[in-house]
Amino acid sequence: MCRSIQPLFNINPPVTEDEVRAAALQFVRKVSGTRKPSKANEAAFLAAVDEISTATRTLLTSLESSAPPKDREEEAAKARARSAKRFGTP
């Protein structure tokens, strides 16, 4: 999985449209193998991002959880701690 794609379900504050689109963009970049498409492929690339954004939003609104929402700041702190342990503190 792409490390820059973060879990978007059951977090507080709720996910934004920009975060959903950013995740979709990362997915399309990974699958297509390109960071920026050529002019010939740009329309297909952007259409894929739009479709995946829509599917992601549909998924997120359909899921249910009995667990309390995770706190973004707390999760970010945990990620920083894992990174520091793995790569050392700069």
C-alpha atoms as a PDB file:
ATOM      1  CA  MET A   1       0.000   0.000   0.000  1.00  0.00           C
ATOM      2  CA  CYS A   2       1.162   3.503  -0.707  1.00  0.00           C
ATOM      3  CA  ARG A   3       2.493   4.957   2.546  1.00  0.00           C
ATOM      4  CA  SER A   4       1.074   8.395   1.860  1.00  0.00           C
ATOM      5  CA  ILE A   5      -2.508   7.104   1.698  1.00  0.00           C
ATOM      6  CA  GLN A   6      -3.953   7.417   5.192  1.00  0.00           C
ATOM      7  CA  PRO A   7      -7.001   5.663   6.646  1.00  0.00           C
ATOM      8  CA  LEU A   8     -10.016   7.903   6.124  1.00  0.00           C
ATOM      9  CA  PHE A   9     -12.731   6.018   7.992  1.00  0.00           C
ATOM     10  CA  ASN A  10     -13.793   6.634  11.583  1.00  0.00           C
ATOM     11  CA  ILE A  11     -11.524   9.585  12.340  1.00  0.00           C
ATOM     12  CA  ASN A  12     -12.254  12.809  14.117  1.00  0.00           C
ATOM     13  CA  PRO A  13     -12.602  15.430  12.680  1.00  0.00           C
ATOM     14  CA  PRO A  14     -14.281  13.738   9.710  1.00  0.00           C
ATOM     15  CA  VAL A  15     -12.532  13.386   6.386  1.00  0.00           C
ATOM     16  CA  THR A  16     -12.758  16.252   3.883  1.00  0.00           C
ATOM     17  CA  GLU A  17     -13.368  16.139   0.138  1.00  0.00           C
ATOM     18  CA  ASP A  18      -9.776  17.298  -0.400  1.00  0.00           C
ATOM     19  CA  GLU A  19      -8.463  14.317   1.572  1.00  0.00           C
ATOM     20  CA  VAL A  20     -10.630  11.897  -0.409  1.00  0.00           C
ATOM     21  CA  ARG A  21      -9.413  13.403  -3.692  1.00  0.00           C
ATOM     22  CA  ALA A  22      -5.770  13.323  -2.545  1.00  0.00           C
ATOM     23  CA  ALA A  23      -6.091   9.631  -1.687  1.00  0.00           C
ATOM     24  CA  ALA A  24      -7.700   8.932  -5.066  1.00  0.00           C
ATOM     25  CA  LEU A  25      -4.932  10.840  -6.826  1.00  0.00           C
ATOM     26  CA  GLN A  26      -2.257   8.832  -4.994  1.00  0.00           C
ATOM     27  CA  PHE A  27      -4.018   5.606  -5.952  1.00  0.00           C
ATOM     28  CA  VAL A  28      -4.230   6.557  -9.636  1.00  0.00           C
ATOM     29  CA  ARG A  29      -0.574   7.649  -9.626  1.00  0.00           C
ATOM     30  CA  LYS A  30       0.454   4.323  -8.121  1.00  0.00           C
ATOM     31  CA  VAL A  31      -1.636   2.215 -10.482  1.00  0.00           C
ATOM     32  CA  SER A  32      -0.689   4.178 -13.619  1.00  0.00           C
ATOM     33  CA  GLY A  33       2.970   4.399 -12.671  1.00  0.00           C
ATOM     34  CA  THR A  34       3.111   8.108 -13.401  1.00  0.00           C
ATOM     35  CA  ARG A  35       3.047  11.189 -11.231  1.00  0.00           C
ATOM     36  CA  LYS A  36       1.838  13.506 -13.990  1.00  0.00           C
ATOM     37  CA  PRO A  37       0.181  12.118 -17.120  1.00  0.00           C
ATOM     38  CA  SER A  38       1.008  13.222 -20.640  1.00  0.00           C
ATOM     39  CA  LYS A  39      -1.450  15.555 -22.387  1.00  0.00           C
ATOM     40  CA  ALA A  40      -2.785  12.555 -24.329  1.00  0.00           C
ATOM     41  CA  ASN A  41      -3.595  10.684 -21.094  1.00  0.00           C
ATOM     42  CA  GLU A  42      -4.601  13.613 -18.896  1.00  0.00           C
ATOM     43  CA  ALA A  43      -8.366  13.279 -19.461  1.00  0.00           C
ATOM     44  CA  ALA A  44      -8.368   9.562 -18.662  1.00  0.00           C
ATOM     45  CA  PHE A  45      -6.160  10.161 -15.606  1.00  0.00           C
ATOM     46  CA  LEU A  46      -8.436  12.883 -14.202  1.00  0.00           C
ATOM     47  CA  ALA A  47     -11.571  10.868 -14.977  1.00  0.00           C
ATOM     48  CA  ALA A  48     -10.123   7.956 -13.006  1.00  0.00           C
ATOM     49  CA  VAL A  49      -9.364  10.259 -10.056  1.00  0.00           C
ATOM     50  CA  ASP A  50     -12.958  11.549 -10.128  1.00  0.00           C
ATOM     51  CA  GLU A  51     -14.442   8.035 -10.277  1.00  0.00           C
ATOM     52  CA  ILE A  52     -12.261   6.754  -7.453  1.00  0.00           C
ATOM     53  CA  SER A  53     -13.081   9.822  -5.351  1.00  0.00           C
ATOM     54  CA  THR A  54     -16.783   9.113  -5.823  1.00  0.00           C
ATOM     55  CA  ALA A  55     -16.363   5.417  -4.995  1.00  0.00           C
ATOM     56  CA  THR A  56     -14.309   6.283  -1.922  1.00  0.00           C
ATOM     57  CA  ARG A  57     -16.883   8.771  -0.657  1.00  0.00           C
ATOM     58  CA  THR A  58     -19.643   6.173  -1.217  1.00  0.00           C
ATOM     59  CA  LEU A  59     -17.648   3.583   0.704  1.00  0.00           C
ATOM     60  CA  LEU A  60     -16.899   5.913   3.604  1.00  0.00           C
ATOM     61  CA  THR A  61     -20.537   6.958   3.996  1.00  0.00           C
ATOM     62  CA  SER A  62     -21.702   3.320   3.835  1.00  0.00           C
ATOM     63  CA  LEU A  63     -19.356   1.914   6.477  1.00  0.00           C
ATOM     64  CA  GLU A  64     -20.452   1.591  10.086  1.00  0.00           C
ATOM     65  CA  SER A  65     -18.359   1.211  13.200  1.00  0.00           C
ATOM     66  CA  SER A  66     -19.118   0.620  16.856  1.00  0.00           C
ATOM     67  CA  ALA A  67     -15.612   1.797  17.804  1.00  0.00           C
ATOM     68  CA  PRO A  68     -15.114   5.394  18.881  1.00  0.00           C
ATOM     69  CA  PRO A  69     -13.540   7.645  16.218  1.00  0.00           C
ATOM     70  CA  LYS A  70      -9.761   7.874  16.260  1.00  0.00           C
ATOM     71  CA  ASP A  71      -8.211  11.234  17.006  1.00  0.00           C
ATOM     72  CA  ARG A  72      -6.118  12.596  14.114  1.00  0.00           C
ATOM     73  CA  GLU A  73      -3.513  14.231  16.346  1.00  0.00           C
ATOM     74  CA  GLU A  74      -3.076  11.088  18.406  1.00  0.00           C
ATOM     75  CA  GLU A  75      -2.719   8.936  15.276  1.00  0.00           C
ATOM     76  CA  ALA A  76      -0.199  11.389  13.786  1.00  0.00           C
ATOM     77  CA  ALA A  77       1.856  11.257  16.983  1.00  0.00           C
ATOM     78  CA  LYS A  78       1.872   7.448  16.843  1.00  0.00           C
ATOM     79  CA  ALA A  79       3.003   7.579  13.197  1.00  0.00           C
ATOM     80  CA  ARG A  80       5.827   9.989  14.075  1.00  0.00           C
ATOM     81  CA  ALA A  81       6.931   7.686  16.890  1.00  0.00           C
ATOM     82  CA  ARG A  82       6.955   4.671  14.539  1.00  0.00           C
ATOM     83  CA  SER A  83       8.935   6.658  11.991  1.00  0.00           C
ATOM     84  CA  ALA A  84      11.463   7.806  14.572  1.00  0.00           C
ATOM     85  CA  LYS A  85      11.907   4.228  15.771  1.00  0.00           C
ATOM     86  CA  ARG A  86      12.302   2.929  12.226  1.00  0.00           C
ATOM     87  CA  PHE A  87      14.507   5.654  10.754  1.00  0.00           C
ATOM     88  CA  GLY A  88      16.007   7.274  13.825  1.00  0.00           C
ATOM     89  CA  THR A  89      15.466  10.813  15.011  1.00  0.00           C
ATOM     90  CA  PRO A  90      16.936  13.475  12.697  1.00  0.00           C
END
